[in-house]
C-alpha atoms as a PDB file:
ATOM      1  CA  MET A   1       0.000   0.000   0.000  1.00  0.00           C
ATOM      2  CA  THR A   2       2.834   2.415   0.697  1.00  0.00           C
ATOM      3  CA  GLU A   3       4.081   2.099  -2.870  1.00  0.00           C
ATOM      4  CA  VAL A   4       1.264   4.394  -4.090  1.00  0.00           C
ATOM      5  CA  PRO A   5       1.666   8.188  -3.926  1.00  0.00           C
ATOM      6  CA  PRO A   6       0.825  10.113  -1.772  1.00  0.00           C
ATOM      7  CA  VAL A   7       1.012   7.293   0.791  1.00  0.00           C
ATOM      8  CA  SER A   8       4.575   6.513  -0.340  1.00  0.00           C
ATOM      9  CA  TRP A   9       5.630  10.099   0.289  1.00  0.00           C
ATOM     10  CA  LEU A  10       4.106  10.155   3.756  1.00  0.00           C
ATOM     11  CA  ALA A  11       5.645   6.800   4.630  1.00  0.00           C
ATOM     12  CA  SER A  12       9.088   7.966   3.529  1.00  0.00           C
ATOM     13  CA  LEU A  13       8.745  11.036   5.772  1.00  0.00           C
ATOM     14  CA  SER A  14       7.580   9.059   8.820  1.00  0.00           C
ATOM     15  CA  GLY A  15      11.058   8.458  10.195  1.00  0.00           C
ATOM     16  CA  PHE A  16      10.066   4.913  11.178  1.00  0.00           C
ATOM     17  CA  GLY A  17      11.451   3.205   8.076  1.00  0.00           C
ATOM     18  CA  LEU A  18       7.940   2.318   6.882  1.00  0.00           C
ATOM     19  CA  LYS A  19       8.750   2.892   3.218  1.00  0.00           C
ATOM     20  CA  ILE A  20      11.888   0.738   3.319  1.00  0.00           C
ATOM     21  CA  SER A  21      10.081  -1.986   5.248  1.00  0.00           C
ATOM     22  CA  ASN A  22       7.175  -1.986   2.818  1.00  0.00           C
ATOM     23  CA  ASP A  23       9.508  -2.069  -0.183  1.00  0.00           C
ATOM     24  CA  GLU A  24      11.201  -5.144   1.298  1.00  0.00           C
ATOM     25  CA  MET A  25       7.873  -6.866   1.997  1.00  0.00           C
ATOM     26  CA  MET A  26       6.693  -6.287  -1.566  1.00  0.00           C
ATOM     27  CA  LEU A  27       9.625  -8.425  -2.740  1.00  0.00           C
ATOM     28  CA  VAL A  28       8.932 -11.449  -0.512  1.00  0.00           C
ATOM     29  CA  GLN A  29       6.325 -13.213  -2.655  1.00  0.00           C
ATOM     30  CA  PRO A  30       8.170 -12.667  -5.956  1.00  0.00           C
ATOM     31  CA  GLY A  31      11.385 -13.819  -4.246  1.00  0.00           C
ATOM     32  CA  LEU A  32       9.735 -17.016  -3.031  1.00  0.00           C
ATOM     33  CA  GLU A  33       8.437 -17.666  -6.531  1.00  0.00           C
ATOM     34  CA  LEU A  34      11.851 -17.046  -8.109  1.00  0.00           C
ATOM     35  CA  MET A  35      13.297 -19.678  -5.805  1.00  0.00           C
ATOM     36  CA  ARG A  36      10.493 -22.179  -6.466  1.00  0.00           C
ATOM     37  CA  ASP A  37      12.761 -24.613  -8.312  1.00  0.00           C
ATOM     38  CA  ARG A  38      15.642 -24.128  -5.885  1.00  0.00           C
ATOM     39  CA  TRP A  39      13.942 -24.980  -2.585  1.00  0.00           C
ATOM     40  CA  SER A  40      14.714 -28.656  -3.227  1.00  0.00           C
ATOM     41  CA  THR A  41      18.456 -27.837  -3.020  1.00  0.00           C
ATOM     42  CA  VAL A  42      18.207 -26.576   0.576  1.00  0.00           C
ATOM     43  CA  ASP A  43      19.892 -29.215   2.711  1.00  0.00           C
ATOM     44  CA  LEU A  44      20.114 -27.591   6.141  1.00  0.00           C
ATOM     45  CA  PRO A  45      17.501 -27.662   8.901  1.00  0.00           C
ATOM     46  CA  VAL A  46      15.070 -24.750   8.737  1.00  0.00           C
ATOM     47  CA  THR A  47      12.767 -23.238  11.341  1.00  0.00           C
ATOM     48  CA  VAL A  48      10.022 -20.845  10.303  1.00  0.00           C
ATOM     49  CA  ILE A  49       8.195 -18.849  12.968  1.00  0.00           C
ATOM     50  CA  GLN A  50       5.016 -17.248  11.672  1.00  0.00           C
ATOM     51  CA  GLY A  51       2.376 -15.152  13.368  1.00  0.00           C
ATOM     52  CA  GLU A  52      -0.994 -16.122  11.905  1.00  0.00           C
ATOM     53  CA  ARG A  53      -2.256 -12.545  12.315  1.00  0.00           C
ATOM     54  CA  ASP A  54       0.734 -11.051  10.511  1.00  0.00           C
ATOM     55  CA  MET A  55      -0.367  -8.066   8.433  1.00  0.00           C
ATOM     56  CA  LEU A  56       3.038  -7.660   6.740  1.00  0.00           C
ATOM     57  CA  VAL A  57       4.064 -11.198   5.790  1.00  0.00           C
ATOM     58  CA  ASN A  58       1.190 -13.320   4.564  1.00  0.00           C
ATOM     59  CA  PRO A  59       0.859 -16.395   6.814  1.00  0.00           C
ATOM     60  CA  ASP A  60       0.397 -18.451   3.633  1.00  0.00           C
ATOM     61  CA  HIS A  61       4.137 -18.028   3.052  1.00  0.00           C
ATOM     62  CA  ALA A  62       4.730 -20.471   5.915  1.00  0.00           C
ATOM     63  CA  ASP A  63       2.473 -22.998   4.159  1.00  0.00           C
ATOM     64  CA  PHE A  64       4.420 -22.476   0.931  1.00  0.00           C
ATOM     65  CA  LEU A  65       7.714 -23.063   2.749  1.00  0.00           C
ATOM     66  CA  GLU A  66       6.384 -26.107   4.562  1.00  0.00           C
ATOM     67  CA  ALA A  67       5.479 -27.725   1.242  1.00  0.00           C
ATOM     68  CA  SER A  68       8.699 -26.604  -0.438  1.00  0.00           C
ATOM     69  CA  LEU A  69      10.938 -27.886   2.366  1.00  0.00           C
ATOM     70  CA  ALA A  70       9.236 -31.240   2.974  1.00  0.00           C
ATOM     71  CA  HIS A  71      12.496 -33.026   2.033  1.00  0.00           C
ATOM     72  CA  ILE A  72      14.475 -31.706   5.041  1.00  0.00           C
ATOM     73  CA  PRO A  73      13.956 -31.306   8.778  1.00  0.00           C
ATOM     74  CA  ALA A  74      11.880 -28.129   8.495  1.00  0.00           C
ATOM     75  CA  GLU A  75       9.873 -26.992  11.483  1.00  0.00           C
ATOM     76  CA  ILE A  76       7.029 -24.565  10.874  1.00  0.00           C
ATOM     77  CA  ILE A  77       5.878 -22.935  14.106  1.00  0.00           C
ATOM     78  CA  ARG A  78       2.665 -20.957  13.917  1.00  0.00           C
ATOM     79  CA  PHE A  79       1.455 -18.514  16.545  1.00  0.00           C
ATOM     80  CA  PRO A  80      -2.319 -18.183  15.999  1.00  0.00           C
ATOM     81  CA  ALA A  81      -2.741 -15.033  18.097  1.00  0.00           C
ATOM     82  CA  GLU A  82       0.466 -13.234  17.039  1.00  0.00           C
ATOM     83  CA  GLY A  83       1.227 -10.753  14.315  1.00  0.00           C
ATOM     84  CA  HIS A  84       4.467  -9.705  12.673  1.00  0.00           C
ATOM     85  CA  MET A  85       6.338  -8.894  15.871  1.00  0.00           C
ATOM     86  CA  VAL A  86       6.374 -12.396  17.361  1.00  0.00           C
ATOM     87  CA  VAL A  87      10.155 -12.115  17.699  1.00  0.00           C
ATOM     88  CA  HIS A  88       9.594  -9.307  20.213  1.00  0.00           C
ATOM     89  CA  SER A  89       6.524 -10.668  21.983  1.00  0.00           C
ATOM     90  CA  ASP A  90       8.115 -14.051  22.767  1.00  0.00           C
ATOM     91  CA  ARG A  91      11.827 -13.354  22.570  1.00  0.00           C
ATOM     92  CA  SER A  92      12.842 -16.226  24.877  1.00  0.00           C
ATOM     93  CA  PHE A  93      11.014 -18.733  22.651  1.00  0.00           C
ATOM     94  CA  VAL A  94      12.715 -17.392  19.526  1.00  0.00           C
ATOM     95  CA  ILE A  95      16.138 -17.540  21.201  1.00  0.00           C
ATOM     96  CA  ALA A  96      15.457 -21.130  22.293  1.00  0.00           C
ATOM     97  CA  GLN A  97      14.529 -22.037  18.714  1.00  0.00           C
ATOM     98  CA  LEU A  98      17.721 -20.454  17.400  1.00  0.00           C
ATOM     99  CA  ARG A  99      19.790 -22.403  19.925  1.00  0.00           C
ATOM    100  CA  LYS A 100      17.985 -25.615  18.963  1.00  0.00           C
ATOM    101  CA  LEU A 101      18.690 -24.938  15.293  1.00  0.00           C
ATOM    102  CA  LEU A 102      22.372 -24.259  15.986  1.00  0.00           C
ATOM    103  CA  GLN A 103      22.641 -27.538  17.911  1.00  0.00           C
ATOM    104  CA  GLN A 104      21.377 -29.391  14.836  1.00  0.00           C
ATOM    105  CA  LEU A 105      24.214 -27.885  12.793  1.00  0.00           C
ATOM    106  CA  LYS A 106      26.956 -29.315  15.033  1.00  0.00           C
END
């Protein structure tokens, strides 16, 4: 939405990085699609943490990744009541998941 003037102009003036953040989010879906044929080459464990009420990253992306990474130990963790900021609302859980992932790489 912030790619359309005058919203884009207001977002760029906000000082909160909204324009940059939105520009990055607009590239997620096309980026996933560009990698469609390459997901099968991923050979490391993956953990995806997705808030089901995320207004920035479509929760369907987690479903896409789950299907695309079925050949490896991929863990898709969904938070039904969380939005985009799950990393901040449950920081200790996210840190524990990162540690668990790092242990699998040893």
